[in-house]
Amino acid sequence: MGIAAGAFITICLFVYIFWPDKNLFRQKDKTRVDYLRERKDVIYDNLRDLNFEYLAGKYPEQDYADQRAGLEDEAAQVMAEMEALGARGVSGRTKA
């Protein structure tokens, strides 16, 4: 009787743990603006890290200036595209 109860509990435990949920891999659709917001956040984080590393003495001034200019240009492009999409009222839906 004890072995049967143990086997039953083990089976119930495995069924409980491994039973698949509904919509397990469903994600929210992203808009182009959502993607651009995420990209802007990443660029700002990179600028913050670059500034910290420059102040710590890890970059020469010319490399710092070149990388900072590149990141600022990229941020400006992202912001311009966000404003253009916002002005037109276009959501630009994409699949995630």
PDB file of N, CA and C in Angstrom:
ATOM      1  N   MET A   1       0.835  -1.194   0.000  1.00  0.00           N
ATOM      2  CA  MET A   1       0.000   0.000   0.000  1.00  0.00           C
ATOM      3  C   MET A   1       0.874   1.249   0.000  1.00  0.00           C
ATOM      4  N   GLY A   2       1.959   1.243   0.736  1.00  0.00           N
ATOM      5  CA  GLY A   2       2.847   2.400   0.810  1.00  0.00           C
ATOM      6  C   GLY A   2       3.532   2.697  -0.503  1.00  0.00           C
ATOM      7  N   ILE A   3       3.900   1.629  -1.224  1.00  0.00           N
ATOM      8  CA  ILE A   3       4.557   1.815  -2.523  1.00  0.00           C
ATOM      9  C   ILE A   3       3.575   2.418  -3.528  1.00  0.00           C
ATOM     10  N   ALA A   4       2.330   1.957  -3.513  1.00  0.00           N
ATOM     11  CA  ALA A   4       1.314   2.475  -4.431  1.00  0.00           C
ATOM     12  C   ALA A   4       1.039   3.949  -4.141  1.00  0.00           C
ATOM     13  N   ALA A   5       0.968   4.322  -2.866  1.00  0.00           N
ATOM     14  CA  ALA A   5       0.728   5.725  -2.500  1.00  0.00           C
ATOM     15  C   ALA A   5       1.913   6.594  -2.927  1.00  0.00           C
ATOM     16  N   GLY A   6       3.119   6.105  -2.726  1.00  0.00           N
ATOM     17  CA  GLY A   6       4.310   6.842  -3.142  1.00  0.00           C
ATOM     18  C   GLY A   6       4.369   7.033  -4.650  1.00  0.00           C
ATOM     19  N   ALA A   7       4.017   5.967  -5.393  1.00  0.00           N
ATOM     20  CA  ALA A   7       4.003   6.054  -6.853  1.00  0.00           C
ATOM     21  C   ALA A   7       2.934   7.038  -7.318  1.00  0.00           C
ATOM     22  N   PHE A   8       1.775   7.021  -6.683  1.00  0.00           N
ATOM     23  CA  PHE A   8       0.691   7.939  -7.044  1.00  0.00           C
ATOM     24  C   PHE A   8       1.102   9.392  -6.787  1.00  0.00           C
ATOM     25  N   ILE A   9       1.701   9.649  -5.655  1.00  0.00           N
ATOM     26  CA  ILE A   9       2.151  11.008  -5.329  1.00  0.00           C
ATOM     27  C   ILE A   9       3.247  11.456  -6.304  1.00  0.00           C
ATOM     28  N   THR A  10       4.150  10.565  -6.662  1.00  0.00           N
ATOM     29  CA  THR A  10       5.211  10.899  -7.608  1.00  0.00           C
ATOM     30  C   THR A  10       4.638  11.241  -8.975  1.00  0.00           C
ATOM     31  N   ILE A  11       3.682  10.449  -9.434  1.00  0.00           N
ATOM     32  CA  ILE A  11       3.036  10.714 -10.722  1.00  0.00           C
ATOM     33  C   ILE A  11       2.305  12.053 -10.680  1.00  0.00           C
ATOM     34  N   CYS A  12       1.555  12.296  -9.607  1.00  0.00           N
ATOM     35  CA  CYS A  12       0.848  13.575  -9.469  1.00  0.00           C
ATOM     36  C   CYS A  12       1.826  14.744  -9.456  1.00  0.00           C
ATOM     37  N   LEU A  13       2.954  14.580  -8.795  1.00  0.00           N
ATOM     38  CA  LEU A  13       3.967  15.621  -8.736  1.00  0.00           C
ATOM     39  C   LEU A  13       4.534  15.918 -10.122  1.00  0.00           C
ATOM     40  N   PHE A  14       4.860  14.893 -10.892  1.00  0.00           N
ATOM     41  CA  PHE A  14       5.380  15.099 -12.244  1.00  0.00           C
ATOM     42  C   PHE A  14       4.340  15.746 -13.148  1.00  0.00           C
ATOM     43  N   VAL A  15       3.082  15.339 -13.029  1.00  0.00           N
ATOM     44  CA  VAL A  15       2.029  15.951 -13.835  1.00  0.00           C
ATOM     45  C   VAL A  15       1.888  17.422 -13.468  1.00  0.00           C
ATOM     46  N   TYR A  16       1.908  17.745 -12.197  1.00  0.00           N
ATOM     47  CA  TYR A  16       1.786  19.132 -11.739  1.00  0.00           C
ATOM     48  C   TYR A  16       2.951  19.986 -12.229  1.00  0.00           C
ATOM     49  N   ILE A  17       4.155  19.470 -12.164  1.00  0.00           N
ATOM     50  CA  ILE A  17       5.339  20.241 -12.551  1.00  0.00           C
ATOM     51  C   ILE A  17       5.425  20.427 -14.061  1.00  0.00           C
ATOM     52  N   PHE A  18       5.165  19.379 -14.813  1.00  0.00           N
ATOM     53  CA  PHE A  18       5.412  19.418 -16.250  1.00  0.00           C
ATOM     54  C   PHE A  18       4.167  19.639 -17.109  1.00  0.00           C
ATOM     55  N   TRP A  19       3.014  19.941 -16.515  1.00  0.00           N
ATOM     56  CA  TRP A  19       1.802  20.190 -17.286  1.00  0.00           C
ATOM     57  C   TRP A  19       1.975  21.518 -18.025  1.00  0.00           C
ATOM     58  N   PRO A  20       1.778  21.536 -19.360  1.00  0.00           N
ATOM     59  CA  PRO A  20       2.018  22.769 -20.123  1.00  0.00           C
ATOM     60  C   PRO A  20       0.951  23.828 -19.852  1.00  0.00           C
ATOM     61  N   ASP A  21       1.403  25.085 -19.737  1.00  0.00           N
ATOM     62  CA  ASP A  21       0.487  26.212 -19.586  1.00  0.00           C
ATOM     63  C   ASP A  21      -0.048  26.627 -20.946  1.00  0.00           C
ATOM     64  N   LYS A  22      -1.169  27.310 -20.931  1.00  0.00           N
ATOM     65  CA  LYS A  22      -1.698  27.867 -22.168  1.00  0.00           C
ATOM     66  C   LYS A  22      -0.950  29.161 -22.469  1.00  0.00           C
ATOM     67  N   ASN A  23      -0.700  29.409 -23.741  1.00  0.00           N
ATOM     68  CA  ASN A  23      -0.043  30.634 -24.200  1.00  0.00           C
ATOM     69  C   ASN A  23       1.296  30.859 -23.501  1.00  0.00           C
ATOM     70  N   LEU A  24       2.088  29.837 -23.406  1.00  0.00           N
ATOM     71  CA  LEU A  24       3.353  29.919 -22.693  1.00  0.00           C
ATOM     72  C   LEU A  24       4.324  30.870 -23.375  1.00  0.00           C
ATOM     73  N   PHE A  25       4.347  30.903 -24.703  1.00  0.00           N
ATOM     74  CA  PHE A  25       5.329  31.696 -25.428  1.00  0.00           C
ATOM     75  C   PHE A  25       4.711  32.906 -26.128  1.00  0.00           C
ATOM     76  N   ARG A  26       3.604  33.367 -25.655  1.00  0.00           N
ATOM     77  CA  ARG A  26       2.944  34.510 -26.280  1.00  0.00           C
ATOM     78  C   ARG A  26       3.599  35.800 -25.808  1.00  0.00           C
ATOM     79  N   GLN A  27       3.899  36.677 -26.760  1.00  0.00           N
ATOM     80  CA  GLN A  27       4.491  37.971 -26.447  1.00  0.00           C
ATOM     81  C   GLN A  27       3.628  39.082 -27.009  1.00  0.00           C
ATOM     82  N   LYS A  28       3.753  40.233 -26.392  1.00  0.00           N
ATOM     83  CA  LYS A  28       3.046  41.404 -26.860  1.00  0.00           C
ATOM     84  C   LYS A  28       3.698  41.913 -28.142  1.00  0.00           C
ATOM     85  N   ASP A  29       2.895  42.331 -29.104  1.00  0.00           N
ATOM     86  CA  ASP A  29       3.432  42.918 -30.331  1.00  0.00           C
ATOM     87  C   ASP A  29       4.082  44.245 -30.005  1.00  0.00           C
ATOM     88  N   LYS A  30       5.248  44.477 -30.595  1.00  0.00           N
ATOM     89  CA  LYS A  30       5.955  45.730 -30.378  1.00  0.00           C
ATOM     90  C   LYS A  30       5.677  46.674 -31.531  1.00  0.00           C
ATOM     91  N   THR A  31       5.595  47.932 -31.208  1.00  0.00           N
ATOM     92  CA  THR A  31       5.506  48.942 -32.246  1.00  0.00           C
ATOM     93  C   THR A  31       6.916  49.419 -32.561  1.00  0.00           C
ATOM     94  N   ARG A  32       7.040  50.138 -33.647  1.00  0.00           N
ATOM     95  CA  ARG A  32       8.347  50.699 -34.016  1.00  0.00           C
ATOM     96  C   ARG A  32       8.798  51.704 -32.945  1.00  0.00           C
ATOM     97  N   VAL A  33       7.848  52.435 -32.380  1.00  0.00           N
ATOM     98  CA  VAL A  33       8.185  53.412 -31.339  1.00  0.00           C
ATOM     99  C   VAL A  33       8.717  52.697 -30.095  1.00  0.00           C
ATOM    100  N   ASP A  34       8.135  51.554 -29.743  1.00  0.00           N
ATOM    101  CA  ASP A  34       8.636  50.779 -28.599  1.00  0.00           C
ATOM    102  C   ASP A  34      10.074  50.343 -28.836  1.00  0.00           C
ATOM    103  N   TYR A  35      10.332  49.858 -30.037  1.00  0.00           N
ATOM    104  CA  TYR A  35      11.696  49.454 -30.384  1.00  0.00           C
ATOM    105  C   TYR A  35      12.656  50.640 -30.286  1.00  0.00           C
ATOM    106  N   LEU A  36      12.235  51.794 -30.793  1.00  0.00           N
ATOM    107  CA  LEU A  36      13.093  52.979 -30.763  1.00  0.00           C
ATOM    108  C   LEU A  36      13.335  53.461 -29.337  1.00  0.00           C
ATOM    109  N   ARG A  37      12.331  53.346 -28.475  1.00  0.00           N
ATOM    110  CA  ARG A  37      12.532  53.721 -27.062  1.00  0.00           C
ATOM    111  C   ARG A  37      13.584  52.822 -26.404  1.00  0.00           C
ATOM    112  N   GLU A  38      13.488  51.536 -26.678  1.00  0.00           N
ATOM    113  CA  GLU A  38      14.492  50.611 -26.131  1.00  0.00           C
ATOM    114  C   GLU A  38      15.881  50.936 -26.666  1.00  0.00           C
ATOM    115  N   ARG A  39      15.971  51.227 -27.942  1.00  0.00           N
ATOM    116  CA  ARG A  39      17.267  51.558 -28.547  1.00  0.00           C
ATOM    117  C   ARG A  39      17.838  52.839 -27.942  1.00  0.00           C
ATOM    118  N   LYS A  40      16.962  53.834 -27.715  1.00  0.00           N
ATOM    119  CA  LYS A  40      17.391  55.093 -27.101  1.00  0.00           C
ATOM    120  C   LYS A  40      17.939  54.843 -25.695  1.00  0.00           C
ATOM    121  N   ASP A  41      17.265  54.007 -24.930  1.00  0.00           N
ATOM    122  CA  ASP A  41      17.743  53.685 -23.576  1.00  0.00           C
ATOM    123  C   ASP A  41      19.117  53.023 -23.614  1.00  0.00           C
ATOM    124  N   VAL A  42      19.319  52.124 -24.574  1.00  0.00           N
ATOM    125  CA  VAL A  42      20.616  51.451 -24.705  1.00  0.00           C
ATOM    126  C   VAL A  42      21.706  52.456 -25.076  1.00  0.00           C
ATOM    127  N   ILE A  43      21.390  53.370 -25.974  1.00  0.00           N
ATOM    128  CA  ILE A  43      22.381  54.373 -26.373  1.00  0.00           C
ATOM    129  C   ILE A  43      22.745  55.264 -25.196  1.00  0.00           C
ATOM    130  N   TYR A  44      21.747  55.683 -24.424  1.00  0.00           N
ATOM    131  CA  TYR A  44      22.032  56.526 -23.255  1.00  0.00           C
ATOM    132  C   TYR A  44      22.864  55.773 -22.224  1.00  0.00           C
ATOM    133  N   ASP A  45      22.585  54.491 -22.031  1.00  0.00           N
ATOM    134  CA  ASP A  45      23.408  53.687 -21.120  1.00  0.00           C
ATOM    135  C   ASP A  45      24.849  53.611 -21.618  1.00  0.00           C
ATOM    136  N   ASN A  46      25.007  53.439 -22.926  1.00  0.00           N
ATOM    137  CA  ASN A  46      26.352  53.387 -23.497  1.00  0.00           C
ATOM    138  C   ASN A  46      27.082  54.716 -23.325  1.00  0.00           C
ATOM    139  N   LEU A  47      26.371  55.823 -23.487  1.00  0.00           N
ATOM    140  CA  LEU A  47      26.984  57.135 -23.267  1.00  0.00           C
ATOM    141  C   LEU A  47      27.413  57.314 -21.811  1.00  0.00           C
ATOM    142  N   ARG A  48      26.566  56.870 -20.908  1.00  0.00           N
ATOM    143  CA  ARG A  48      26.885  56.951 -19.479  1.00  0.00           C
ATOM    144  C   ARG A  48      28.123  56.115 -19.152  1.00  0.00           C
ATOM    145  N   ASP A  49      28.173  54.912 -19.684  1.00  0.00           N
ATOM    146  CA  ASP A  49      29.331  54.040 -19.453  1.00  0.00           C
ATOM    147  C   ASP A  49      30.599  54.616 -20.077  1.00  0.00           C
ATOM    148  N   LEU A  50      30.473  55.159 -21.275  1.00  0.00           N
ATOM    149  CA  LEU A  50      31.624  55.761 -21.944  1.00  0.00           C
ATOM    150  C   LEU A  50      32.166  56.932 -21.134  1.00  0.00           C
ATOM    151  N   ASN A  51      31.281  57.772 -20.626  1.00  0.00           N
ATOM    152  CA  ASN A  51      31.709  58.912 -19.817  1.00  0.00           C
ATOM    153  C   ASN A  51      32.411  58.443 -18.541  1.00  0.00           C
ATOM    154  N   PHE A  52      31.867  57.422 -17.906  1.00  0.00           N
ATOM    155  CA  PHE A  52      32.479  56.897 -16.685  1.00  0.00           C
ATOM    156  C   PHE A  52      33.871  56.341 -16.964  1.00  0.00           C
ATOM    157  N   GLU A  53      33.997  55.575 -18.042  1.00  0.00           N
ATOM    158  CA  GLU A  53      35.294  54.979 -18.367  1.00  0.00           C
ATOM    159  C   GLU A  53      36.309  56.040 -18.790  1.00  0.00           C
ATOM    160  N   TYR A  54      35.841  57.099 -19.441  1.00  0.00           N
ATOM    161  CA  TYR A  54      36.753  58.189 -19.801  1.00  0.00           C
ATOM    162  C   TYR A  54      37.257  58.892 -18.533  1.00  0.00           C
ATOM    163  N   LEU A  55      36.348  59.154 -17.603  1.00  0.00           N
ATOM    164  CA  LEU A  55      36.758  59.800 -16.356  1.00  0.00           C
ATOM    165  C   LEU A  55      37.667  58.906 -15.525  1.00  0.00           C
ATOM    166  N   ALA A  56      37.542  57.597 -15.693  1.00  0.00           N
ATOM    167  CA  ALA A  56      38.410  56.657 -14.990  1.00  0.00           C
ATOM    168  C   ALA A  56      39.772  56.537 -15.666  1.00  0.00           C
ATOM    169  N   GLY A  57      39.942  57.158 -16.824  1.00  0.00           N
ATOM    170  CA  GLY A  57      41.219  57.157 -17.509  1.00  0.00           C
ATOM    171  C   GLY A  57      41.444  55.986 -18.442  1.00  0.00           C
ATOM    172  N   LYS A  58      40.389  55.321 -18.857  1.00  0.00           N
ATOM    173  CA  LYS A  58      40.543  54.151 -19.725  1.00  0.00           C
ATOM    174  C   LYS A  58      40.599  54.518 -21.204  1.00  0.00           C
ATOM    175  N   TYR A  59      40.165  55.720 -21.576  1.00  0.00           N
ATOM    176  CA  TYR A  59      40.144  56.136 -22.974  1.00  0.00           C
ATOM    177  C   TYR A  59      40.964  57.405 -23.154  1.00  0.00           C
ATOM    178  N   PRO A  60      41.726  57.485 -24.247  1.00  0.00           N
ATOM    179  CA  PRO A  60      42.352  58.767 -24.586  1.00  0.00           C
ATOM    180  C   PRO A  60      41.274  59.743 -25.075  1.00  0.00           C
ATOM    181  N   GLU A  61      41.573  61.011 -25.023  1.00  0.00           N
ATOM    182  CA  GLU A  61      40.571  62.025 -25.332  1.00  0.00           C
ATOM    183  C   GLU A  61      40.029  61.916 -26.757  1.00  0.00           C
ATOM    184  N   GLN A  62      40.892  61.620 -27.723  1.00  0.00           N
ATOM    185  CA  GLN A  62      40.440  61.531 -29.115  1.00  0.00           C
ATOM    186  C   GLN A  62      39.477  60.354 -29.314  1.00  0.00           C
ATOM    187  N   ASP A  63      39.782  59.194 -28.745  1.00  0.00           N
ATOM    188  CA  ASP A  63      38.881  58.037 -28.853  1.00  0.00           C
ATOM    189  C   ASP A  63      37.546  58.328 -28.177  1.00  0.00           C
ATOM    190  N   TYR A  64      37.628  58.975 -27.022  1.00  0.00           N
ATOM    191  CA  TYR A  64      36.406  59.337 -26.295  1.00  0.00           C
ATOM    192  C   TYR A  64      35.540  60.256 -27.142  1.00  0.00           C
ATOM    193  N   ALA A  65      36.160  61.265 -27.745  1.00  0.00           N
ATOM    194  CA  ALA A  65      35.410  62.221 -28.559  1.00  0.00           C
ATOM    195  C   ALA A  65      34.789  61.545 -29.776  1.00  0.00           C
ATOM    196  N   ASP A  66      35.520  60.656 -30.430  1.00  0.00           N
ATOM    197  CA  ASP A  66      35.000  59.946 -31.601  1.00  0.00           C
ATOM    198  C   ASP A  66      33.813  59.052 -31.229  1.00  0.00           C
ATOM    199  N   GLN A  67      33.971  58.271 -30.167  1.00  0.00           N
ATOM    200  CA  GLN A  67      32.891  57.370 -29.765  1.00  0.00           C
ATOM    201  C   GLN A  67      31.678  58.146 -29.277  1.00  0.00           C
ATOM    202  N   ARG A  68      31.908  59.214 -28.536  1.00  0.00           N
ATOM    203  CA  ARG A  68      30.794  60.028 -28.042  1.00  0.00           C
ATOM    204  C   ARG A  68      30.034  60.654 -29.215  1.00  0.00           C
ATOM    205  N   ALA A  69      30.764  61.163 -30.207  1.00  0.00           N
ATOM    206  CA  ALA A  69      30.105  61.760 -31.372  1.00  0.00           C
ATOM    207  C   ALA A  69      29.273  60.722 -32.118  1.00  0.00           C
ATOM    208  N   GLY A  70      29.802  59.515 -32.260  1.00  0.00           N
ATOM    209  CA  GLY A  70      29.046  58.460 -32.932  1.00  0.00           C
ATOM    210  C   GLY A  70      27.774  58.095 -32.186  1.00  0.00           C
ATOM    211  N   LEU A  71      27.871  57.976 -30.869  1.00  0.00           N
ATOM    212  CA  LEU A  71      26.686  57.642 -30.071  1.00  0.00           C
ATOM    213  C   LEU A  71      25.672  58.781 -30.076  1.00  0.00           C
ATOM    214  N   GLU A  72      26.145  60.013 -30.032  1.00  0.00           N
ATOM    215  CA  GLU A  72      25.226  61.148 -30.072  1.00  0.00           C
ATOM    216  C   GLU A  72      24.523  61.250 -31.420  1.00  0.00           C
ATOM    217  N   ASP A  73      25.238  60.966 -32.498  1.00  0.00           N
ATOM    218  CA  ASP A  73      24.608  60.957 -33.827  1.00  0.00           C
ATOM    219  C   ASP A  73      23.533  59.885 -33.914  1.00  0.00           C
ATOM    220  N   GLU A  74      23.848  58.707 -33.387  1.00  0.00           N
ATOM    221  CA  GLU A  74      22.869  57.620 -33.405  1.00  0.00           C
ATOM    222  C   GLU A  74      21.645  57.971 -32.562  1.00  0.00           C
ATOM    223  N   ALA A  75      21.868  58.590 -31.409  1.00  0.00           N
ATOM    224  CA  ALA A  75      20.749  59.007 -30.559  1.00  0.00           C
ATOM    225  C   ALA A  75      19.896  60.054 -31.266  1.00  0.00           C
ATOM    226  N   ALA A  76      20.535  60.967 -31.979  1.00  0.00           N
ATOM    227  CA  ALA A  76      19.786  61.992 -32.708  1.00  0.00           C
ATOM    228  C   ALA A  76      18.933  61.371 -33.806  1.00  0.00           C
ATOM    229  N   GLN A  77      19.469  60.371 -34.501  1.00  0.00           N
ATOM    230  CA  GLN A  77      18.696  59.694 -35.543  1.00  0.00           C
ATOM    231  C   GLN A  77      17.484  58.978 -34.955  1.00  0.00           C
ATOM    232  N   VAL A  78      17.694  58.312 -33.823  1.00  0.00           N
ATOM    233  CA  VAL A  78      16.593  57.591 -33.174  1.00  0.00           C
ATOM    234  C   VAL A  78      15.524  58.572 -32.718  1.00  0.00           C
ATOM    235  N   MET A  79      15.937  59.663 -32.096  1.00  0.00           N
ATOM    236  CA  MET A  79      14.977  60.661 -31.621  1.00  0.00           C
ATOM    237  C   MET A  79      14.211  61.291 -32.792  1.00  0.00           C
ATOM    238  N   ALA A  80      14.900  61.569 -33.897  1.00  0.00           N
ATOM    239  CA  ALA A  80      14.237  62.147 -35.063  1.00  0.00           C
ATOM    240  C   ALA A  80      13.197  61.188 -35.626  1.00  0.00           C
ATOM    241  N   GLU A  81      13.536  59.909 -35.678  1.00  0.00           N
ATOM    242  CA  GLU A  81      12.572  58.928 -36.185  1.00  0.00           C
ATOM    243  C   GLU A  81      11.378  58.793 -35.241  1.00  0.00           C
ATOM    244  N   MET A  82      11.640  58.846 -33.934  1.00  0.00           N
ATOM    245  CA  MET A  82      10.535  58.792 -32.966  1.00  0.00           C
ATOM    246  C   MET A  82       9.610  59.992 -33.137  1.00  0.00           C
ATOM    247  N   GLU A  83      10.167  61.172 -33.321  1.00  0.00           N
ATOM    248  CA  GLU A  83       9.352  62.364 -33.514  1.00  0.00           C
ATOM    249  C   GLU A  83       8.569  62.296 -34.818  1.00  0.00           C
ATOM    250  N   ALA A  84       9.201  61.786 -35.871  1.00  0.00           N
ATOM    251  CA  ALA A  84       8.513  61.665 -37.152  1.00  0.00           C
ATOM    252  C   ALA A  84       7.332  60.693 -37.048  1.00  0.00           C
ATOM    253  N   LEU A  85       7.538  59.585 -36.379  1.00  0.00           N
ATOM    254  CA  LEU A  85       6.440  58.622 -36.205  1.00  0.00           C
ATOM    255  C   LEU A  85       5.344  59.210 -35.332  1.00  0.00           C
ATOM    256  N   GLY A  86       5.736  59.957 -34.303  1.00  0.00           N
ATOM    257  CA  GLY A  86       4.749  60.573 -33.431  1.00  0.00           C
ATOM    258  C   GLY A  86       3.961  61.661 -34.131  1.00  0.00           C
ATOM    259  N   ALA A  87       4.615  62.419 -34.993  1.00  0.00           N
ATOM    260  CA  ALA A  87       3.951  63.496 -35.715  1.00  0.00           C
ATOM    261  C   ALA A  87       2.948  62.960 -36.727  1.00  0.00           C
ATOM    262  N   ARG A  88       3.275  61.838 -37.364  1.00  0.00           N
ATOM    263  CA  ARG A  88       2.375  61.244 -38.347  1.00  0.00           C
ATOM    264  C   ARG A  88       1.295  60.405 -37.690  1.00  0.00           C
ATOM    265  N   GLY A  89       1.499  60.065 -36.419  1.00  0.00           N
ATOM    266  CA  GLY A  89       0.526  59.209 -35.745  1.00  0.00           C
ATOM    267  C   GLY A  89       0.608  57.773 -36.182  1.00  0.00           C
ATOM    268  N   VAL A  90       1.758  57.366 -36.697  1.00  0.00           N
ATOM    269  CA  VAL A  90       1.972  56.006 -37.203  1.00  0.00           C
ATOM    270  C   VAL A  90       2.527  55.165 -36.067  1.00  0.00           C
ATOM    271  N   SER A  91       1.943  53.995 -35.861  1.00  0.00           N
ATOM    272  CA  SER A  91       2.457  53.121 -34.818  1.00  0.00           C
ATOM    273  C   SER A  91       3.564  52.222 -35.344  1.00  0.00           C
ATOM    274  N   GLY A  92       3.555  51.906 -36.620  1.00  0.00           N
ATOM    275  CA  GLY A  92       4.611  51.078 -37.198  1.00  0.00           C
ATOM    276  C   GLY A  92       4.718  49.716 -36.540  1.00  0.00           C
ATOM    277  N   ARG A  93       3.636  48.978 -36.508  1.00  0.00           N
ATOM    278  CA  ARG A  93       3.631  47.678 -35.821  1.00  0.00           C
ATOM    279  C   ARG A  93       4.602  46.705 -36.459  1.00  0.00           C
ATOM    280  N   THR A  94       5.369  46.017 -35.593  1.00  0.00           N
ATOM    281  CA  THR A  94       6.256  44.959 -36.035  1.00  0.00           C
ATOM    282  C   THR A  94       6.042  43.763 -35.127  1.00  0.00           C
ATOM    283  N   LYS A  95       6.418  42.604 -35.585  1.00  0.00           N
ATOM    284  CA  LYS A  95       6.324  41.400 -34.765  1.00  0.00           C
ATOM    285  C   LYS A  95       7.565  41.285 -33.905  1.00  0.00           C
ATOM    286  N   ALA A  96       7.373  40.902 -32.641  1.00  0.00           N
ATOM    287  CA  ALA A  96       8.508  40.730 -31.722  1.00  0.00           C
ATOM    288  C   ALA A  96       9.061  39.357 -31.813  1.00  0.00           C
TER     289      ALA A  96
END
